[in-house]
């Protein structure tokens, strides 16, 4: 995976990058927030490791700017010297996915990164097949198979059936789910 590491301390940023590289990741170190933002417009990264203290921009402001300005939601691991419960709650509320307290424990860091990447992968790679009793929903081909017999549904019909099966026994709103348009036909 490609990881961008932003930090004020060159030695610590190098140590973090080296630790993650030893775990098989490709790391790119940055010393300034603006430099990172410029590279994010041109390069693809799978995860960001951000120090809260960078010379040109506070880490929380940089994070807010990244969350609002990027079209892709990247997982963010925040490096901080603050370890109080209020500080941690505030960081997590600022849309940080995880955090580590400085000095960073390089033996724990790769495990945290792997866990974050697993969670992000599950969000971006939905299941290819969902089974509800005798009903098998092939998500990629938008096909339903019942007791071995394929059932022909329109794309919208497939989506509606899957929505209903996912929420069996639960009341649903009549409002259309995100991405659905009322002019489409079932």
C-alpha atoms as a PDB file:
ATOM      1  CA  UNK A   1       0.000   0.000   0.000  1.00  0.00           C
ATOM      2  CA  UNK A   2       1.066   3.593  -0.623  1.00  0.00           C
ATOM      3  CA  UNK A   3       1.241   5.697   2.534  1.00  0.00           C
ATOM      4  CA  UNK A   4       1.908   9.426   2.864  1.00  0.00           C
ATOM      5  CA  UNK A   5       3.638  10.377   6.119  1.00  0.00           C
ATOM      6  CA  UNK A   6       3.583  14.023   7.217  1.00  0.00           C
ATOM      7  CA  UNK A   7       5.603  15.127  10.212  1.00  0.00           C
ATOM      8  CA  UNK A   8       7.504  18.050  11.656  1.00  0.00           C
ATOM      9  CA  UNK A   9      10.396  15.949  12.981  1.00  0.00           C
ATOM     10  CA  UNK A  10      12.443  14.548  10.096  1.00  0.00           C
ATOM     11  CA  UNK A  11      13.934  11.792  12.277  1.00  0.00           C
ATOM     12  CA  UNK A  12      10.531  10.615  13.530  1.00  0.00           C
ATOM     13  CA  UNK A  13       8.983  10.800  10.051  1.00  0.00           C
ATOM     14  CA  UNK A  14      11.883   8.709   8.760  1.00  0.00           C
ATOM     15  CA  UNK A  15      11.444   6.170  11.564  1.00  0.00           C
ATOM     16  CA  UNK A  16       7.696   5.899  10.872  1.00  0.00           C
ATOM     17  CA  UNK A  17       8.326   5.526   7.126  1.00  0.00           C
ATOM     18  CA  UNK A  18      11.023   2.907   7.703  1.00  0.00           C
ATOM     19  CA  UNK A  19       8.816   0.923  10.089  1.00  0.00           C
ATOM     20  CA  UNK A  20       5.965   0.858   7.572  1.00  0.00           C
ATOM     21  CA  UNK A  21       8.316   0.083   4.660  1.00  0.00           C
ATOM     22  CA  UNK A  22       9.607  -2.949   6.572  1.00  0.00           C
ATOM     23  CA  UNK A  23       5.978  -4.104   6.719  1.00  0.00           C
ATOM     24  CA  UNK A  24       5.792  -3.966   2.906  1.00  0.00           C
ATOM     25  CA  UNK A  25       4.324  -0.499   2.350  1.00  0.00           C
ATOM     26  CA  UNK A  26       5.637   2.198   0.038  1.00  0.00           C
ATOM     27  CA  UNK A  27       5.995   5.421   2.029  1.00  0.00           C
ATOM     28  CA  UNK A  28       6.457   9.003   0.940  1.00  0.00           C
ATOM     29  CA  UNK A  29       7.528  11.472   3.634  1.00  0.00           C
ATOM     30  CA  UNK A  30       6.434  15.110   3.674  1.00  0.00           C
ATOM     31  CA  UNK A  31       7.573  17.966   5.914  1.00  0.00           C
ATOM     32  CA  UNK A  32       4.862  20.515   5.079  1.00  0.00           C
ATOM     33  CA  UNK A  33       1.091  20.284   4.833  1.00  0.00           C
ATOM     34  CA  UNK A  34       0.829  22.304   1.635  1.00  0.00           C
ATOM     35  CA  UNK A  35       3.344  20.003  -0.061  1.00  0.00           C
ATOM     36  CA  UNK A  36       1.252  16.985   0.933  1.00  0.00           C
ATOM     37  CA  UNK A  37      -1.965  18.616  -0.334  1.00  0.00           C
ATOM     38  CA  UNK A  38      -0.315  19.332  -3.712  1.00  0.00           C
ATOM     39  CA  UNK A  39       0.887  15.734  -4.051  1.00  0.00           C
ATOM     40  CA  UNK A  40      -2.530  14.350  -3.094  1.00  0.00           C
ATOM     41  CA  UNK A  41      -3.945  16.083  -6.154  1.00  0.00           C
ATOM     42  CA  UNK A  42      -1.472  14.218  -8.391  1.00  0.00           C
ATOM     43  CA  UNK A  43      -0.667  10.975  -6.576  1.00  0.00           C
ATOM     44  CA  UNK A  44      -2.824   8.215  -5.145  1.00  0.00           C
ATOM     45  CA  UNK A  45      -2.255   7.114  -1.563  1.00  0.00           C
ATOM     46  CA  UNK A  46      -4.088   4.442   0.416  1.00  0.00           C
ATOM     47  CA  UNK A  47      -3.551   5.955   3.872  1.00  0.00           C
ATOM     48  CA  UNK A  48      -2.288   9.158   5.481  1.00  0.00           C
ATOM     49  CA  UNK A  49      -0.183   9.389   8.649  1.00  0.00           C
ATOM     50  CA  UNK A  50      -0.444  12.994   9.858  1.00  0.00           C
ATOM     51  CA  UNK A  51       1.476  14.716  12.639  1.00  0.00           C
ATOM     52  CA  UNK A  52      -0.584  17.288  14.497  1.00  0.00           C
ATOM     53  CA  UNK A  53       2.382  19.669  14.485  1.00  0.00           C
ATOM     54  CA  UNK A  54       3.615  20.745  11.078  1.00  0.00           C
ATOM     55  CA  UNK A  55       5.288  24.099  10.453  1.00  0.00           C
ATOM     56  CA  UNK A  56       2.917  25.562   7.872  1.00  0.00           C
ATOM     57  CA  UNK A  57      -0.471  24.329   9.069  1.00  0.00           C
ATOM     58  CA  UNK A  58      -1.983  22.849  12.256  1.00  0.00           C
ATOM     59  CA  UNK A  59      -2.756  19.134  11.824  1.00  0.00           C
ATOM     60  CA  UNK A  60      -6.454  19.531  12.655  1.00  0.00           C
ATOM     61  CA  UNK A  61      -6.857  22.313  10.066  1.00  0.00           C
ATOM     62  CA  UNK A  62      -5.009  20.202   7.495  1.00  0.00           C
ATOM     63  CA  UNK A  63      -7.244  17.227   8.258  1.00  0.00           C
ATOM     64  CA  UNK A  64     -10.386  19.348   7.898  1.00  0.00           C
ATOM     65  CA  UNK A  65      -9.082  20.727   4.601  1.00  0.00           C
ATOM     66  CA  UNK A  66      -8.296  17.231   3.292  1.00  0.00           C
ATOM     67  CA  UNK A  67     -11.691  15.824   4.291  1.00  0.00           C
ATOM     68  CA  UNK A  68     -13.497  18.678   2.546  1.00  0.00           C
ATOM     69  CA  UNK A  69     -11.260  18.978  -0.523  1.00  0.00           C
ATOM     70  CA  UNK A  70     -10.555  15.390  -1.571  1.00  0.00           C
ATOM     71  CA  UNK A  71     -13.021  13.367  -3.584  1.00  0.00           C
ATOM     72  CA  UNK A  72     -11.700  10.113  -2.074  1.00  0.00           C
ATOM     73  CA  UNK A  73     -11.968   9.432   1.654  1.00  0.00           C
ATOM     74  CA  UNK A  74      -8.543   8.269   2.813  1.00  0.00           C
ATOM     75  CA  UNK A  75      -8.018   6.638   6.207  1.00  0.00           C
ATOM     76  CA  UNK A  76      -6.020   8.941   8.513  1.00  0.00           C
ATOM     77  CA  UNK A  77      -3.760   7.935  11.389  1.00  0.00           C
ATOM     78  CA  UNK A  78      -3.006  10.988  13.543  1.00  0.00           C
ATOM     79  CA  UNK A  79       0.306  11.279  15.428  1.00  0.00           C
ATOM     80  CA  UNK A  80      -0.050  13.446  18.529  1.00  0.00           C
ATOM     81  CA  UNK A  81       1.685  14.271  21.768  1.00  0.00           C
ATOM     82  CA  UNK A  82      -1.692  14.734  23.500  1.00  0.00           C
ATOM     83  CA  UNK A  83      -2.965  11.703  25.379  1.00  0.00           C
ATOM     84  CA  UNK A  84      -5.782  13.031  27.559  1.00  0.00           C
ATOM     85  CA  UNK A  85      -9.244  11.510  27.150  1.00  0.00           C
ATOM     86  CA  UNK A  86     -10.750  14.845  26.071  1.00  0.00           C
ATOM     87  CA  UNK A  87      -7.990  15.310  23.470  1.00  0.00           C
ATOM     88  CA  UNK A  88      -8.474  11.797  22.104  1.00  0.00           C
ATOM     89  CA  UNK A  89     -12.265  12.223  21.895  1.00  0.00           C
ATOM     90  CA  UNK A  90     -11.778  15.537  20.099  1.00  0.00           C
ATOM     91  CA  UNK A  91      -9.386  13.976  17.564  1.00  0.00           C
ATOM     92  CA  UNK A  92     -11.757  11.115  16.832  1.00  0.00           C
ATOM     93  CA  UNK A  93     -14.614  13.612  16.444  1.00  0.00           C
ATOM     94  CA  UNK A  94     -12.497  15.500  13.889  1.00  0.00           C
ATOM     95  CA  UNK A  95     -12.824  12.475  11.571  1.00  0.00           C
ATOM     96  CA  UNK A  96      -9.496  10.856  12.430  1.00  0.00           C
ATOM     97  CA  UNK A  97      -9.688   7.095  11.944  1.00  0.00           C
ATOM     98  CA  UNK A  98      -7.061   6.252  14.561  1.00  0.00           C
ATOM     99  CA  UNK A  99      -4.243   7.911  16.458  1.00  0.00           C
ATOM    100  CA  UNK A 100      -0.870   7.134  18.037  1.00  0.00           C
ATOM    101  CA  UNK A 101       0.801   9.064  20.827  1.00  0.00           C
ATOM    102  CA  UNK A 102       4.333  10.338  20.187  1.00  0.00           C
ATOM    103  CA  UNK A 103       6.946   9.066  20.442  1.00  0.00           C
ATOM    104  CA  UNK A 104       5.465   6.507  18.086  1.00  0.00           C
ATOM    105  CA  UNK A 105       5.939   2.857  19.095  1.00  0.00           C
ATOM    106  CA  UNK A 106       7.240   1.412  15.828  1.00  0.00           C
ATOM    107  CA  UNK A 107       6.422  -2.142  16.910  1.00  0.00           C
ATOM    108  CA  UNK A 108       2.702  -1.245  17.250  1.00  0.00           C
ATOM    109  CA  UNK A 109       2.422   1.109  14.278  1.00  0.00           C
ATOM    110  CA  UNK A 110       2.398  -1.530  11.471  1.00  0.00           C
ATOM    111  CA  UNK A 111      -0.405  -3.450  13.211  1.00  0.00           C
ATOM    112  CA  UNK A 112      -2.535  -0.326  13.554  1.00  0.00           C
ATOM    113  CA  UNK A 113      -1.967   0.507   9.895  1.00  0.00           C
ATOM    114  CA  UNK A 114      -2.894  -3.024   8.785  1.00  0.00           C
ATOM    115  CA  UNK A 115      -6.105  -2.845  10.843  1.00  0.00           C
ATOM    116  CA  UNK A 116      -7.012   0.541   9.340  1.00  0.00           C
ATOM    117  CA  UNK A 117      -6.375  -0.711   5.811  1.00  0.00           C
ATOM    118  CA  UNK A 118      -8.517  -3.807   6.451  1.00  0.00           C
ATOM    119  CA  UNK A 119     -11.403  -1.637   7.644  1.00  0.00           C
ATOM    120  CA  UNK A 120     -11.027   0.710   4.662  1.00  0.00           C
ATOM    121  CA  UNK A 121     -10.873  -2.238   2.263  1.00  0.00           C
ATOM    122  CA  UNK A 122     -14.118  -3.645   3.639  1.00  0.00           C
ATOM    123  CA  UNK A 123     -15.825  -0.286   3.075  1.00  0.00           C
ATOM    124  CA  UNK A 124     -14.582   0.061  -0.508  1.00  0.00           C
ATOM    125  CA  UNK A 125     -14.970  -3.558  -1.598  1.00  0.00           C
ATOM    126  CA  UNK A 126     -18.509  -4.671  -0.903  1.00  0.00           C
ATOM    127  CA  UNK A 127     -19.493  -8.311  -0.790  1.00  0.00           C
ATOM    128  CA  UNK A 128     -19.782 -10.049  -4.170  1.00  0.00           C
ATOM    129  CA  UNK A 129     -22.570 -12.344  -3.005  1.00  0.00           C
ATOM    130  CA  UNK A 130     -25.202 -12.142  -0.288  1.00  0.00           C
ATOM    131  CA  UNK A 131     -27.338 -15.101   0.764  1.00  0.00           C
ATOM    132  CA  UNK A 132     -30.692 -14.951   2.540  1.00  0.00           C
ATOM    133  CA  UNK A 133     -32.021 -18.483   2.989  1.00  0.00           C
ATOM    134  CA  UNK A 134     -32.639 -19.866  -0.526  1.00  0.00           C
ATOM    135  CA  UNK A 135     -32.098 -16.453  -2.148  1.00  0.00           C
ATOM    136  CA  UNK A 136     -28.604 -15.757  -3.478  1.00  0.00           C
ATOM    137  CA  UNK A 137     -27.869 -12.185  -4.629  1.00  0.00           C
ATOM    138  CA  UNK A 138     -24.919 -11.926  -7.059  1.00  0.00           C
ATOM    139  CA  UNK A 139     -23.988  -8.286  -6.523  1.00  0.00           C
ATOM    140  CA  UNK A 140     -21.586  -7.874  -9.475  1.00  0.00           C
ATOM    141  CA  UNK A 141     -23.957  -9.341 -12.082  1.00  0.00           C
ATOM    142  CA  UNK A 142     -27.119  -7.984 -10.399  1.00  0.00           C
ATOM    143  CA  UNK A 143     -28.733 -11.406 -10.539  1.00  0.00           C
ATOM    144  CA  UNK A 144     -30.846 -13.310  -8.018  1.00  0.00           C
ATOM    145  CA  UNK A 145     -30.762 -17.112  -7.882  1.00  0.00           C
ATOM    146  CA  UNK A 146     -33.498 -19.000  -6.024  1.00  0.00           C
ATOM    147  CA  UNK A 147     -32.922 -22.739  -5.439  1.00  0.00           C
ATOM    148  CA  UNK A 148     -30.535 -22.794  -8.417  1.00  0.00           C
ATOM    149  CA  UNK A 149     -32.889 -20.942 -10.772  1.00  0.00           C
ATOM    150  CA  UNK A 150     -31.838 -17.464 -11.961  1.00  0.00           C
ATOM    151  CA  UNK A 151     -34.527 -14.799 -11.608  1.00  0.00           C
ATOM    152  CA  UNK A 152     -34.525 -11.928 -14.106  1.00  0.00           C
ATOM    153  CA  UNK A 153     -34.827  -8.495 -12.495  1.00  0.00           C
ATOM    154  CA  UNK A 154     -34.100  -5.010 -13.727  1.00  0.00           C
ATOM    155  CA  UNK A 155     -31.182  -3.210 -12.130  1.00  0.00           C
ATOM    156  CA  UNK A 156     -33.587  -1.171  -9.996  1.00  0.00           C
ATOM    157  CA  UNK A 157     -35.610  -4.258  -9.094  1.00  0.00           C
ATOM    158  CA  UNK A 158     -32.439  -6.023  -7.987  1.00  0.00           C
ATOM    159  CA  UNK A 159     -31.455  -3.058  -5.824  1.00  0.00           C
ATOM    160  CA  UNK A 160     -34.887  -2.847  -4.246  1.00  0.00           C
ATOM    161  CA  UNK A 161     -35.041  -6.604  -3.558  1.00  0.00           C
ATOM    162  CA  UNK A 162     -31.572  -6.558  -1.985  1.00  0.00           C
ATOM    163  CA  UNK A 163     -32.531  -3.546   0.148  1.00  0.00           C
ATOM    164  CA  UNK A 164     -35.664  -5.318   1.391  1.00  0.00           C
ATOM    165  CA  UNK A 165     -33.837  -8.593   2.117  1.00  0.00           C
ATOM    166  CA  UNK A 166     -31.085  -6.746   4.006  1.00  0.00           C
ATOM    167  CA  UNK A 167     -33.754  -5.222   6.233  1.00  0.00           C
ATOM    168  CA  UNK A 168     -36.120  -8.174   6.697  1.00  0.00           C
ATOM    169  CA  UNK A 169     -38.419  -7.603   9.644  1.00  0.00           C
ATOM    170  CA  UNK A 170     -37.454  -3.934   9.915  1.00  0.00           C
ATOM    171  CA  UNK A 171     -39.631  -0.970   9.032  1.00  0.00           C
ATOM    172  CA  UNK A 172     -38.269   1.080   6.119  1.00  0.00           C
ATOM    173  CA  UNK A 173     -38.866   4.685   5.152  1.00  0.00           C
ATOM    174  CA  UNK A 174     -40.670   5.467   1.910  1.00  0.00           C
ATOM    175  CA  UNK A 175     -37.868   7.927   1.108  1.00  0.00           C
ATOM    176  CA  UNK A 176     -35.621   6.783  -1.694  1.00  0.00           C
ATOM    177  CA  UNK A 177     -32.169   5.502  -0.696  1.00  0.00           C
ATOM    178  CA  UNK A 178     -29.191   7.674  -1.736  1.00  0.00           C
ATOM    179  CA  UNK A 179     -28.419   7.382  -5.457  1.00  0.00           C
ATOM    180  CA  UNK A 180     -31.947   6.362  -6.472  1.00  0.00           C
ATOM    181  CA  UNK A 181     -34.029   8.570  -8.742  1.00  0.00           C
ATOM    182  CA  UNK A 182     -37.803   8.606  -8.732  1.00  0.00           C
ATOM    183  CA  UNK A 183     -38.045   8.724 -12.578  1.00  0.00           C
ATOM    184  CA  UNK A 184     -36.510   5.266 -13.043  1.00  0.00           C
ATOM    185  CA  UNK A 185     -38.810   2.345 -13.650  1.00  0.00           C
ATOM    186  CA  UNK A 186     -38.743  -0.937 -11.783  1.00  0.00           C
END
